[in-house]
Amino acid sequence: MNRDGRLIATLGAVVLTAAVLQTSIVPVLNLVAGQLHTSSAAAGWAVTANLVGAAAATPLIGRLADLFNKKWVLLGALGLILAGSLLGALTSSLPLLLLGRVMQGMSFALYPVAVSIL
């Protein structure tokens, strides 16, 4: 596989991972509510927090990618998304889960950066 093929495959995997992060919590919201000892309505904020993070991060990360090296901005965003995923997976607190979901919301910004790199 040549360099362009590897780049397309890698960016495709990044964007696919971002898509999974966005929707993975929906089927388990009731389970999350039970484990965090909170209501289903409160646990539903995990979906909203992701969207809020996306709304804030997409223009910011897009602008940073325009100003600086796109590769490093993409890797930095992936690092923050990984940190948010670990925080969300390891927490037993709703506020920390919401913070992790906001950090995961940065995954929405990976789409325009990936297209820009291509």
PDB file of N, CA and C in Angstrom:
ATOM      1  N   MET A   1       0.851  -1.173   0.000  1.00  0.00           N
ATOM      2  CA  MET A   1       0.000   0.000   0.000  1.00  0.00           C
ATOM      3  C   MET A   1       0.899   1.239   0.000  1.00  0.00           C
ATOM      4  N   ASN A   2       0.608   2.179  -0.868  1.00  0.00           N
ATOM      5  CA  ASN A   2       1.426   3.379  -0.952  1.00  0.00           C
ATOM      6  C   ASN A   2       1.071   4.371   0.157  1.00  0.00           C
ATOM      7  N   ARG A   3       1.808   5.483   0.191  1.00  0.00           N
ATOM      8  CA  ARG A   3       1.634   6.485   1.252  1.00  0.00           C
ATOM      9  C   ARG A   3       0.226   7.066   1.256  1.00  0.00           C
ATOM     10  N   ASP A   4      -0.319   7.369   0.096  1.00  0.00           N
ATOM     11  CA  ASP A   4      -1.671   7.933   0.023  1.00  0.00           C
ATOM     12  C   ASP A   4      -2.717   6.946   0.527  1.00  0.00           C
ATOM     13  N   GLY A   5      -2.549   5.682   0.215  1.00  0.00           N
ATOM     14  CA  GLY A   5      -3.482   4.660   0.681  1.00  0.00           C
ATOM     15  C   GLY A   5      -3.445   4.510   2.191  1.00  0.00           C
ATOM     16  N   ARG A   6      -2.245   4.556   2.756  1.00  0.00           N
ATOM     17  CA  ARG A   6      -2.120   4.473   4.220  1.00  0.00           C
ATOM     18  C   ARG A   6      -2.737   5.692   4.889  1.00  0.00           C
ATOM     19  N   LEU A   7      -2.541   6.865   4.296  1.00  0.00           N
ATOM     20  CA  LEU A   7      -3.115   8.090   4.851  1.00  0.00           C
ATOM     21  C   LEU A   7      -4.637   8.024   4.844  1.00  0.00           C
ATOM     22  N   ILE A   8      -5.210   7.598   3.747  1.00  0.00           N
ATOM     23  CA  ILE A   8      -6.673   7.496   3.646  1.00  0.00           C
ATOM     24  C   ILE A   8      -7.206   6.458   4.625  1.00  0.00           C
ATOM     25  N   ALA A   9      -6.528   5.325   4.739  1.00  0.00           N
ATOM     26  CA  ALA A   9      -6.966   4.285   5.681  1.00  0.00           C
ATOM     27  C   ALA A   9      -6.873   4.767   7.127  1.00  0.00           C
ATOM     28  N   THR A  10      -5.796   5.465   7.457  1.00  0.00           N
ATOM     29  CA  THR A  10      -5.625   5.965   8.821  1.00  0.00           C
ATOM     30  C   THR A  10      -6.663   7.011   9.160  1.00  0.00           C
ATOM     31  N   LEU A  11      -6.875   7.979   8.278  1.00  0.00           N
ATOM     32  CA  LEU A  11      -7.878   9.013   8.534  1.00  0.00           C
ATOM     33  C   LEU A  11      -9.285   8.427   8.555  1.00  0.00           C
ATOM     34  N   GLY A  12      -9.527   7.414   7.744  1.00  0.00           N
ATOM     35  CA  GLY A  12     -10.823   6.728   7.780  1.00  0.00           C
ATOM     36  C   GLY A  12     -11.057   6.063   9.126  1.00  0.00           C
ATOM     37  N   ALA A  13     -10.014   5.438   9.679  1.00  0.00           N
ATOM     38  CA  ALA A  13     -10.131   4.810  10.998  1.00  0.00           C
ATOM     39  C   ALA A  13     -10.363   5.852  12.081  1.00  0.00           C
ATOM     40  N   VAL A  14      -9.710   6.999  11.963  1.00  0.00           N
ATOM     41  CA  VAL A  14      -9.907   8.085  12.933  1.00  0.00           C
ATOM     42  C   VAL A  14     -11.348   8.567  12.911  1.00  0.00           C
ATOM     43  N   VAL A  15     -11.871   8.807  11.739  1.00  0.00           N
ATOM     44  CA  VAL A  15     -13.237   9.315  11.612  1.00  0.00           C
ATOM     45  C   VAL A  15     -14.254   8.256  12.042  1.00  0.00           C
ATOM     46  N   LEU A  16     -13.984   7.002  11.741  1.00  0.00           N
ATOM     47  CA  LEU A  16     -14.875   5.921  12.180  1.00  0.00           C
ATOM     48  C   LEU A  16     -14.898   5.812  13.698  1.00  0.00           C
ATOM     49  N   THR A  17     -13.740   5.938  14.316  1.00  0.00           N
ATOM     50  CA  THR A  17     -13.661   5.928  15.775  1.00  0.00           C
ATOM     51  C   THR A  17     -14.464   7.084  16.359  1.00  0.00           C
ATOM     52  N   ALA A  18     -14.371   8.238  15.750  1.00  0.00           N
ATOM     53  CA  ALA A  18     -15.133   9.393  16.221  1.00  0.00           C
ATOM     54  C   ALA A  18     -16.630   9.135  16.123  1.00  0.00           C
ATOM     55  N   ALA A  19     -17.056   8.507  15.058  1.00  0.00           N
ATOM     56  CA  ALA A  19     -18.486   8.211  14.899  1.00  0.00           C
ATOM     57  C   ALA A  19     -18.969   7.237  15.969  1.00  0.00           C
ATOM     58  N   VAL A  20     -18.146   6.262  16.308  1.00  0.00           N
ATOM     59  CA  VAL A  20     -18.520   5.303  17.348  1.00  0.00           C
ATOM     60  C   VAL A  20     -18.620   6.001  18.702  1.00  0.00           C
ATOM     61  N   LEU A  21     -17.699   6.923  18.996  1.00  0.00           N
ATOM     62  CA  LEU A  21     -17.734   7.644  20.268  1.00  0.00           C
ATOM     63  C   LEU A  21     -19.017   8.460  20.425  1.00  0.00           C
ATOM     64  N   GLN A  22     -19.514   8.983  19.336  1.00  0.00           N
ATOM     65  CA  GLN A  22     -20.687   9.841  19.401  1.00  0.00           C
ATOM     66  C   GLN A  22     -21.935   9.073  19.785  1.00  0.00           C
ATOM     67  N   THR A  23     -22.049   7.843  19.338  1.00  0.00           N
ATOM     68  CA  THR A  23     -23.310   7.117  19.511  1.00  0.00           C
ATOM     69  C   THR A  23     -23.231   5.958  20.489  1.00  0.00           C
ATOM     70  N   SER A  24     -22.072   5.644  20.994  1.00  0.00           N
ATOM     71  CA  SER A  24     -21.920   4.439  21.811  1.00  0.00           C
ATOM     72  C   SER A  24     -22.659   4.501  23.138  1.00  0.00           C
ATOM     73  N   ILE A  25     -22.949   5.674  23.642  1.00  0.00           N
ATOM     74  CA  ILE A  25     -23.576   5.770  24.961  1.00  0.00           C
ATOM     75  C   ILE A  25     -25.093   5.621  24.908  1.00  0.00           C
ATOM     76  N   VAL A  26     -25.695   5.885  23.780  1.00  0.00           N
ATOM     77  CA  VAL A  26     -27.156   5.891  23.693  1.00  0.00           C
ATOM     78  C   VAL A  26     -27.782   4.560  24.127  1.00  0.00           C
ATOM     79  N   PRO A  27     -27.310   3.407  23.661  1.00  0.00           N
ATOM     80  CA  PRO A  27     -27.962   2.155  24.066  1.00  0.00           C
ATOM     81  C   PRO A  27     -27.794   1.798  25.545  1.00  0.00           C
ATOM     82  N   VAL A  28     -26.822   2.389  26.224  1.00  0.00           N
ATOM     83  CA  VAL A  28     -26.545   2.010  27.612  1.00  0.00           C
ATOM     84  C   VAL A  28     -26.879   3.108  28.619  1.00  0.00           C
ATOM     85  N   LEU A  29     -27.675   4.087  28.228  1.00  0.00           N
ATOM     86  CA  LEU A  29     -27.992   5.186  29.143  1.00  0.00           C
ATOM     87  C   LEU A  29     -28.646   4.703  30.428  1.00  0.00           C
ATOM     88  N   ASN A  30     -29.573   3.764  30.346  1.00  0.00           N
ATOM     89  CA  ASN A  30     -30.222   3.259  31.559  1.00  0.00           C
ATOM     90  C   ASN A  30     -29.224   2.538  32.462  1.00  0.00           C
ATOM     91  N   LEU A  31     -28.306   1.812  31.871  1.00  0.00           N
ATOM     92  CA  LEU A  31     -27.264   1.138  32.643  1.00  0.00           C
ATOM     93  C   LEU A  31     -26.359   2.159  33.332  1.00  0.00           C
ATOM     94  N   VAL A  32     -26.001   3.207  32.609  1.00  0.00           N
ATOM     95  CA  VAL A  32     -25.175   4.275  33.176  1.00  0.00           C
ATOM     96  C   VAL A  32     -25.899   4.936  34.338  1.00  0.00           C
ATOM     97  N   ALA A  33     -27.177   5.232  34.156  1.00  0.00           N
ATOM     98  CA  ALA A  33     -27.963   5.853  35.227  1.00  0.00           C
ATOM     99  C   ALA A  33     -27.972   4.970  36.465  1.00  0.00           C
ATOM    100  N   GLY A  34     -28.127   3.675  36.292  1.00  0.00           N
ATOM    101  CA  GLY A  34     -28.127   2.759  37.421  1.00  0.00           C
ATOM    102  C   GLY A  34     -26.781   2.697  38.125  1.00  0.00           C
ATOM    103  N   GLN A  35     -25.701   2.657  37.354  1.00  0.00           N
ATOM    104  CA  GLN A  35     -24.368   2.570  37.954  1.00  0.00           C
ATOM    105  C   GLN A  35     -23.959   3.851  38.661  1.00  0.00           C
ATOM    106  N   LEU A  36     -24.445   4.995  38.159  1.00  0.00           N
ATOM    107  CA  LEU A  36     -24.103   6.265  38.783  1.00  0.00           C
ATOM    108  C   LEU A  36     -25.136   6.699  39.821  1.00  0.00           C
ATOM    109  N   HIS A  37     -26.153   5.861  40.034  1.00  0.00           N
ATOM    110  CA  HIS A  37     -27.213   6.154  41.009  1.00  0.00           C
ATOM    111  C   HIS A  37     -27.861   7.505  40.741  1.00  0.00           C
ATOM    112  N   THR A  38     -28.275   7.699  39.503  1.00  0.00           N
ATOM    113  CA  THR A  38     -28.919   8.937  39.088  1.00  0.00           C
ATOM    114  C   THR A  38     -30.106   8.609  38.204  1.00  0.00           C
ATOM    115  N   SER A  39     -30.869   9.603  37.844  1.00  0.00           N
ATOM    116  CA  SER A  39     -32.042   9.367  37.001  1.00  0.00           C
ATOM    117  C   SER A  39     -31.626   9.206  35.538  1.00  0.00           C
ATOM    118  N   SER A  40     -32.531   8.642  34.765  1.00  0.00           N
ATOM    119  CA  SER A  40     -32.274   8.498  33.327  1.00  0.00           C
ATOM    120  C   SER A  40     -32.172   9.858  32.655  1.00  0.00           C
ATOM    121  N   ALA A  41     -32.955  10.818  33.144  1.00  0.00           N
ATOM    122  CA  ALA A  41     -32.897  12.168  32.572  1.00  0.00           C
ATOM    123  C   ALA A  41     -31.533  12.810  32.821  1.00  0.00           C
ATOM    124  N   ALA A  42     -30.994  12.619  34.010  1.00  0.00           N
ATOM    125  CA  ALA A  42     -29.669  13.170  34.307  1.00  0.00           C
ATOM    126  C   ALA A  42     -28.597  12.466  33.477  1.00  0.00           C
ATOM    127  N   ALA A  43     -28.711  11.163  33.328  1.00  0.00           N
ATOM    128  CA  ALA A  43     -27.743  10.423  32.518  1.00  0.00           C
ATOM    129  C   ALA A  43     -27.848  10.827  31.046  1.00  0.00           C
ATOM    130  N   GLY A  44     -29.034  11.260  30.622  1.00  0.00           N
ATOM    131  CA  GLY A  44     -29.216  11.715  29.242  1.00  0.00           C
ATOM    132  C   GLY A  44     -28.363  12.922  28.900  1.00  0.00           C
ATOM    133  N   TRP A  45     -27.914  13.634  29.917  1.00  0.00           N
ATOM    134  CA  TRP A  45     -27.018  14.764  29.662  1.00  0.00           C
ATOM    135  C   TRP A  45     -25.688  14.309  29.075  1.00  0.00           C
ATOM    136  N   ALA A  46     -25.373  13.038  29.170  1.00  0.00           N
ATOM    137  CA  ALA A  46     -24.138  12.530  28.577  1.00  0.00           C
ATOM    138  C   ALA A  46     -24.158  12.686  27.056  1.00  0.00           C
ATOM    139  N   VAL A  47     -25.337  12.555  26.467  1.00  0.00           N
ATOM    140  CA  VAL A  47     -25.470  12.765  25.019  1.00  0.00           C
ATOM    141  C   VAL A  47     -25.356  14.251  24.709  1.00  0.00           C
ATOM    142  N   THR A  48     -26.039  15.070  25.500  1.00  0.00           N
ATOM    143  CA  THR A  48     -26.028  16.515  25.277  1.00  0.00           C
ATOM    144  C   THR A  48     -24.629  17.088  25.494  1.00  0.00           C
ATOM    145  N   ALA A  49     -23.921  16.602  26.507  1.00  0.00           N
ATOM    146  CA  ALA A  49     -22.573  17.095  26.781  1.00  0.00           C
ATOM    147  C   ALA A  49     -21.656  16.858  25.593  1.00  0.00           C
ATOM    148  N   ASN A  50     -21.815  15.729  24.941  1.00  0.00           N
ATOM    149  CA  ASN A  50     -21.025  15.432  23.752  1.00  0.00           C
ATOM    150  C   ASN A  50     -21.282  16.458  22.652  1.00  0.00           C
ATOM    151  N   LEU A  51     -22.542  16.811  22.472  1.00  0.00           N
ATOM    152  CA  LEU A  51     -22.893  17.785  21.430  1.00  0.00           C
ATOM    153  C   LEU A  51     -22.404  19.182  21.778  1.00  0.00           C
ATOM    154  N   VAL A  52     -22.450  19.542  23.061  1.00  0.00           N
ATOM    155  CA  VAL A  52     -21.939  20.843  23.494  1.00  0.00           C
ATOM    156  C   VAL A  52     -20.432  20.921  23.246  1.00  0.00           C
ATOM    157  N   GLY A  53     -19.729  19.870  23.594  1.00  0.00           N
ATOM    158  CA  GLY A  53     -18.287  19.830  23.327  1.00  0.00           C
ATOM    159  C   GLY A  53     -17.975  19.945  21.845  1.00  0.00           C
ATOM    160  N   ALA A  54     -18.802  19.311  21.031  1.00  0.00           N
ATOM    161  CA  ALA A  54     -18.603  19.379  19.576  1.00  0.00           C
ATOM    162  C   ALA A  54     -18.838  20.791  19.059  1.00  0.00           C
ATOM    163  N   ALA A  55     -19.876  21.442  19.563  1.00  0.00           N
ATOM    164  CA  ALA A  55     -20.187  22.793  19.099  1.00  0.00           C
ATOM    165  C   ALA A  55     -19.074  23.770  19.456  1.00  0.00           C
ATOM    166  N   ALA A  56     -18.459  23.572  20.601  1.00  0.00           N
ATOM    167  CA  ALA A  56     -17.373  24.463  21.014  1.00  0.00           C
ATOM    168  C   ALA A  56     -16.051  24.111  20.336  1.00  0.00           C
ATOM    169  N   ALA A  57     -15.777  22.838  20.172  1.00  0.00           N
ATOM    170  CA  ALA A  57     -14.459  22.415  19.698  1.00  0.00           C
ATOM    171  C   ALA A  57     -14.287  22.483  18.189  1.00  0.00           C
ATOM    172  N   THR A  58     -15.352  22.289  17.439  1.00  0.00           N
ATOM    173  CA  THR A  58     -15.202  22.208  15.983  1.00  0.00           C
ATOM    174  C   THR A  58     -14.608  23.484  15.382  1.00  0.00           C
ATOM    175  N   PRO A  59     -15.150  24.666  15.659  1.00  0.00           N
ATOM    176  CA  PRO A  59     -14.515  25.856  15.074  1.00  0.00           C
ATOM    177  C   PRO A  59     -13.130  26.126  15.653  1.00  0.00           C
ATOM    178  N   LEU A  60     -12.939  25.832  16.939  1.00  0.00           N
ATOM    179  CA  LEU A  60     -11.647  26.081  17.572  1.00  0.00           C
ATOM    180  C   LEU A  60     -10.561  25.184  16.987  1.00  0.00           C
ATOM    181  N   ILE A  61     -10.832  23.898  16.907  1.00  0.00           N
ATOM    182  CA  ILE A  61      -9.836  22.965  16.380  1.00  0.00           C
ATOM    183  C   ILE A  61      -9.622  23.198  14.890  1.00  0.00           C
ATOM    184  N   GLY A  62     -10.685  23.534  14.171  1.00  0.00           N
ATOM    185  CA  GLY A  62     -10.539  23.855  12.754  1.00  0.00           C
ATOM    186  C   GLY A  62      -9.631  25.050  12.531  1.00  0.00           C
ATOM    187  N   ARG A  63      -9.799  26.074  13.359  1.00  0.00           N
ATOM    188  CA  ARG A  63      -8.958  27.272  13.242  1.00  0.00           C
ATOM    189  C   ARG A  63      -7.516  26.954  13.602  1.00  0.00           C
ATOM    190  N   LEU A  64      -7.325  26.179  14.672  1.00  0.00           N
ATOM    191  CA  LEU A  64      -5.965  25.784  15.049  1.00  0.00           C
ATOM    192  C   LEU A  64      -5.292  24.978  13.937  1.00  0.00           C
ATOM    193  N   ALA A  65      -6.060  24.120  13.274  1.00  0.00           N
ATOM    194  CA  ALA A  65      -5.501  23.334  12.170  1.00  0.00           C
ATOM    195  C   ALA A  65      -5.128  24.224  10.991  1.00  0.00           C
ATOM    196  N   ASP A  66      -5.875  25.316  10.793  1.00  0.00           N
ATOM    197  CA  ASP A  66      -5.527  26.261   9.733  1.00  0.00           C
ATOM    198  C   ASP A  66      -4.260  27.045  10.070  1.00  0.00           C
ATOM    199  N   LEU A  67      -4.081  27.360  11.347  1.00  0.00           N
ATOM    200  CA  LEU A  67      -2.942  28.182  11.759  1.00  0.00           C
ATOM    201  C   LEU A  67      -1.663  27.371  11.940  1.00  0.00           C
ATOM    202  N   PHE A  68      -1.799  26.142  12.422  1.00  0.00           N
ATOM    203  CA  PHE A  68      -0.640  25.336  12.766  1.00  0.00           C
ATOM    204  C   PHE A  68      -0.640  24.055  11.937  1.00  0.00           C
ATOM    205  N   ASN A  69       0.293  23.187  12.231  1.00  0.00           N
ATOM    206  CA  ASN A  69       0.440  21.924  11.523  1.00  0.00           C
ATOM    207  C   ASN A  69      -0.793  21.046  11.763  1.00  0.00           C
ATOM    208  N   LYS A  70      -1.494  20.699  10.696  1.00  0.00           N
ATOM    209  CA  LYS A  70      -2.736  19.924  10.803  1.00  0.00           C
ATOM    210  C   LYS A  70      -2.514  18.577  11.489  1.00  0.00           C
ATOM    211  N   LYS A  71      -1.397  17.951  11.186  1.00  0.00           N
ATOM    212  CA  LYS A  71      -1.095  16.638  11.771  1.00  0.00           C
ATOM    213  C   LYS A  71      -1.006  16.747  13.294  1.00  0.00           C
ATOM    214  N   TRP A  72      -0.299  17.763  13.802  1.00  0.00           N
ATOM    215  CA  TRP A  72      -0.119  17.901  15.243  1.00  0.00           C
ATOM    216  C   TRP A  72      -1.425  18.299  15.932  1.00  0.00           C
ATOM    217  N   VAL A  73      -2.224  19.105  15.267  1.00  0.00           N
ATOM    218  CA  VAL A  73      -3.528  19.467  15.828  1.00  0.00           C
ATOM    219  C   VAL A  73      -4.414  18.221  15.898  1.00  0.00           C
ATOM    220  N   LEU A  74      -4.407  17.402  14.853  1.00  0.00           N
ATOM    221  CA  LEU A  74      -5.186  16.164  14.839  1.00  0.00           C
ATOM    222  C   LEU A  74      -4.726  15.231  15.959  1.00  0.00           C
ATOM    223  N   LEU A  75      -3.415  15.076  16.119  1.00  0.00           N
ATOM    224  CA  LEU A  75      -2.893  14.202  17.171  1.00  0.00           C
ATOM    225  C   LEU A  75      -3.205  14.746  18.563  1.00  0.00           C
ATOM    226  N   GLY A  76      -3.136  16.070  18.724  1.00  0.00           N
ATOM    227  CA  GLY A  76      -3.487  16.677  20.007  1.00  0.00           C
ATOM    228  C   GLY A  76      -4.955  16.465  20.342  1.00  0.00           C
ATOM    229  N   ALA A  77      -5.812  16.634  19.350  1.00  0.00           N
ATOM    230  CA  ALA A  77      -7.246  16.406  19.565  1.00  0.00           C
ATOM    231  C   ALA A  77      -7.503  14.938  19.903  1.00  0.00           C
ATOM    232  N   LEU A  78      -6.822  14.035  19.234  1.00  0.00           N
ATOM    233  CA  LEU A  78      -6.975  12.611  19.542  1.00  0.00           C
ATOM    234  C   LEU A  78      -6.519  12.305  20.971  1.00  0.00           C
ATOM    235  N   GLY A  79      -5.472  12.980  21.419  1.00  0.00           N
ATOM    236  CA  GLY A  79      -5.015  12.801  22.800  1.00  0.00           C
ATOM    237  C   GLY A  79      -6.061  13.256  23.803  1.00  0.00           C
ATOM    238  N   LEU A  80      -6.700  14.402  23.539  1.00  0.00           N
ATOM    239  CA  LEU A  80      -7.751  14.891  24.431  1.00  0.00           C
ATOM    240  C   LEU A  80      -8.971  13.975  24.398  1.00  0.00           C
ATOM    241  N   ILE A  81      -9.287  13.459  23.233  1.00  0.00           N
ATOM    242  CA  ILE A  81     -10.421  12.527  23.106  1.00  0.00           C
ATOM    243  C   ILE A  81     -10.120  11.245  23.882  1.00  0.00           C
ATOM    244  N   LEU A  82      -8.896  10.757  23.783  1.00  0.00           N
ATOM    245  CA  LEU A  82      -8.495   9.568  24.546  1.00  0.00           C
ATOM    246  C   LEU A  82      -8.596   9.831  26.048  1.00  0.00           C
ATOM    247  N   ALA A  83      -8.133  11.001  26.487  1.00  0.00           N
ATOM    248  CA  ALA A  83      -8.223  11.343  27.907  1.00  0.00           C
ATOM    249  C   ALA A  83      -9.683  11.400  28.353  1.00  0.00           C
ATOM    250  N   GLY A  84     -10.557  11.969  27.526  1.00  0.00           N
ATOM    251  CA  GLY A  84     -11.979  12.014  27.845  1.00  0.00           C
ATOM    252  C   GLY A  84     -12.599  10.627  27.890  1.00  0.00           C
ATOM    253  N   SER A  85     -12.164   9.759  27.008  1.00  0.00           N
ATOM    254  CA  SER A  85     -12.673   8.389  27.001  1.00  0.00           C
ATOM    255  C   SER A  85     -12.253   7.644  28.261  1.00  0.00           C
ATOM    256  N   LEU A  86     -11.003   7.812  28.648  1.00  0.00           N
ATOM    257  CA  LEU A  86     -10.537   7.167  29.877  1.00  0.00           C
ATOM    258  C   LEU A  86     -11.255   7.730  31.102  1.00  0.00           C
ATOM    259  N   LEU A  87     -11.434   9.034  31.134  1.00  0.00           N
ATOM    260  CA  LEU A  87     -12.149   9.649  32.250  1.00  0.00           C
ATOM    261  C   LEU A  87     -13.575   9.115  32.330  1.00  0.00           C
ATOM    262  N   GLY A  88     -14.252   9.061  31.207  1.00  0.00           N
ATOM    263  CA  GLY A  88     -15.623   8.555  31.191  1.00  0.00           C
ATOM    264  C   GLY A  88     -15.719   7.094  31.564  1.00  0.00           C
ATOM    265  N   ALA A  89     -14.730   6.316  31.173  1.00  0.00           N
ATOM    266  CA  ALA A  89     -14.769   4.879  31.464  1.00  0.00           C
ATOM    267  C   ALA A  89     -14.440   4.568  32.915  1.00  0.00           C
ATOM    268  N   LEU A  90     -13.629   5.386  33.548  1.00  0.00           N
ATOM    269  CA  LEU A  90     -13.135   5.070  34.879  1.00  0.00           C
ATOM    270  C   LEU A  90     -13.845   5.814  36.001  1.00  0.00           C
ATOM    271  N   THR A  91     -14.738   6.723  35.690  1.00  0.00           N
ATOM    272  CA  THR A  91     -15.360   7.535  36.729  1.00  0.00           C
ATOM    273  C   THR A  91     -16.605   6.869  37.306  1.00  0.00           C
ATOM    274  N   SER A  92     -16.923   7.265  38.509  1.00  0.00           N
ATOM    275  CA  SER A  92     -18.187   6.845  39.121  1.00  0.00           C
ATOM    276  C   SER A  92     -18.996   8.074  39.525  1.00  0.00           C
ATOM    277  N   SER A  93     -18.722   9.184  38.861  1.00  0.00           N
ATOM    278  CA  SER A  93     -19.366  10.450  39.160  1.00  0.00           C
ATOM    279  C   SER A  93     -19.981  11.018  37.886  1.00  0.00           C
ATOM    280  N   LEU A  94     -21.226  11.472  37.965  1.00  0.00           N
ATOM    281  CA  LEU A  94     -21.883  12.038  36.783  1.00  0.00           C
ATOM    282  C   LEU A  94     -21.170  13.283  36.262  1.00  0.00           C
ATOM    283  N   PRO A  95     -20.753  14.238  37.118  1.00  0.00           N
ATOM    284  CA  PRO A  95     -20.043  15.406  36.579  1.00  0.00           C
ATOM    285  C   PRO A  95     -18.761  15.050  35.824  1.00  0.00           C
ATOM    286  N   LEU A  96     -18.017  14.071  36.332  1.00  0.00           N
ATOM    287  CA  LEU A  96     -16.800  13.666  35.626  1.00  0.00           C
ATOM    288  C   LEU A  96     -17.128  12.934  34.329  1.00  0.00           C
ATOM    289  N   LEU A  97     -18.210  12.169  34.337  1.00  0.00           N
ATOM    290  CA  LEU A  97     -18.651  11.529  33.097  1.00  0.00           C
ATOM    291  C   LEU A  97     -19.006  12.590  32.061  1.00  0.00           C
ATOM    292  N   LEU A  98     -19.702  13.619  32.499  1.00  0.00           N
ATOM    293  CA  LEU A  98     -20.078  14.692  31.569  1.00  0.00           C
ATOM    294  C   LEU A  98     -18.844  15.413  31.041  1.00  0.00           C
ATOM    295  N   LEU A  99     -17.851  15.648  31.901  1.00  0.00           N
ATOM    296  CA  LEU A  99     -16.602  16.266  31.440  1.00  0.00           C
ATOM    297  C   LEU A  99     -15.917  15.380  30.401  1.00  0.00           C
ATOM    298  N   GLY A 100     -15.884  14.084  30.660  1.00  0.00           N
ATOM    299  CA  GLY A 100     -15.300  13.156  29.687  1.00  0.00           C
ATOM    300  C   GLY A 100     -16.052  13.170  28.366  1.00  0.00           C
ATOM    301  N   ARG A 101     -17.384  13.248  28.431  1.00  0.00           N
ATOM    302  CA  ARG A 101     -18.178  13.294  27.198  1.00  0.00           C
ATOM    303  C   ARG A 101     -17.954  14.609  26.443  1.00  0.00           C
ATOM    304  N   VAL A 102     -17.756  15.716  27.155  1.00  0.00           N
ATOM    305  CA  VAL A 102     -17.428  16.977  26.484  1.00  0.00           C
ATOM    306  C   VAL A 102     -16.099  16.830  25.756  1.00  0.00           C
ATOM    307  N   MET A 103     -15.136  16.213  26.408  1.00  0.00           N
ATOM    308  CA  MET A 103     -13.837  15.998  25.769  1.00  0.00           C
ATOM    309  C   MET A 103     -13.973  15.069  24.564  1.00  0.00           C
ATOM    310  N   GLN A 104     -14.829  14.056  24.658  1.00  0.00           N
ATOM    311  CA  GLN A 104     -15.063  13.175  23.519  1.00  0.00           C
ATOM    312  C   GLN A 104     -15.758  13.922  22.383  1.00  0.00           C
ATOM    313  N   GLY A 105     -16.511  14.956  22.711  1.00  0.00           N
ATOM    314  CA  GLY A 105     -17.198  15.743  21.688  1.00  0.00           C
ATOM    315  C   GLY A 105     -16.250  16.395  20.705  1.00  0.00           C
ATOM    316  N   MET A 106     -14.994  16.516  21.093  1.00  0.00           N
ATOM    317  CA  MET A 106     -14.000  17.067  20.166  1.00  0.00           C
ATOM    318  C   MET A 106     -13.832  16.185  18.944  1.00  0.00           C
ATOM    319  N   SER A 107     -14.324  14.963  19.022  1.00  0.00           N
ATOM    320  CA  SER A 107     -14.195  14.055  17.885  1.00  0.00           C
ATOM    321  C   SER A 107     -14.941  14.569  16.661  1.00  0.00           C
ATOM    322  N   PHE A 108     -15.969  15.374  16.852  1.00  0.00           N
ATOM    323  CA  PHE A 108     -16.682  15.960  15.714  1.00  0.00           C
ATOM    324  C   PHE A 108     -15.740  16.810  14.869  1.00  0.00           C
ATOM    325  N   ALA A 109     -14.767  17.461  15.518  1.00  0.00           N
ATOM    326  CA  ALA A 109     -13.843  18.344  14.803  1.00  0.00           C
ATOM    327  C   ALA A 109     -12.848  17.577  13.951  1.00  0.00           C
ATOM    328  N   LEU A 110     -12.785  16.278  14.117  1.00  0.00           N
ATOM    329  CA  LEU A 110     -11.830  15.497  13.340  1.00  0.00           C
ATOM    330  C   LEU A 110     -12.229  15.388  11.876  1.00  0.00           C
ATOM    331  N   TYR A 111     -13.526  15.481  11.592  1.00  0.00           N
ATOM    332  CA  TYR A 111     -13.978  15.384  10.202  1.00  0.00           C
ATOM    333  C   TYR A 111     -13.369  16.478   9.324  1.00  0.00           C
ATOM    334  N   PRO A 112     -13.569  17.762   9.657  1.00  0.00           N
ATOM    335  CA  PRO A 112     -12.982  18.797   8.775  1.00  0.00           C
ATOM    336  C   PRO A 112     -11.469  18.784   8.738  1.00  0.00           C
ATOM    337  N   VAL A 113     -10.826  18.434   9.865  1.00  0.00           N
ATOM    338  CA  VAL A 113      -9.364  18.381   9.863  1.00  0.00           C
ATOM    339  C   VAL A 113      -8.883  17.246   8.964  1.00  0.00           C
ATOM    340  N   ALA A 114      -9.546  16.103   9.018  1.00  0.00           N
ATOM    341  CA  ALA A 114      -9.174  14.973   8.159  1.00  0.00           C
ATOM    342  C   ALA A 114      -9.361  15.315   6.692  1.00  0.00           C
ATOM    343  N   VAL A 115     -10.463  15.967   6.365  1.00  0.00           N
ATOM    344  CA  VAL A 115     -10.696  16.372   4.964  1.00  0.00           C
ATOM    345  C   VAL A 115      -9.638  17.384   4.537  1.00  0.00           C
ATOM    346  N   SER A 116      -9.286  18.276   5.431  1.00  0.00           N
ATOM    347  CA  SER A 116      -8.263  19.273   5.131  1.00  0.00           C
ATOM    348  C   SER A 116      -6.912  18.620   4.867  1.00  0.00           C
ATOM    349  N   ILE A 117      -6.591  17.599   5.625  1.00  0.00           N
ATOM    350  CA  ILE A 117      -5.329  16.888   5.419  1.00  0.00           C
ATOM    351  C   ILE A 117      -5.323  16.171   4.073  1.00  0.00           C
ATOM    352  N   LEU A 118      -6.473  15.589   3.727  1.00  0.00           N
ATOM    353  CA  LEU A 118      -6.547  14.885   2.441  1.00  0.00           C
ATOM    354  C   LEU A 118      -6.420  15.850   1.297  1.00  0.00           C
TER     355      LEU A 118
END
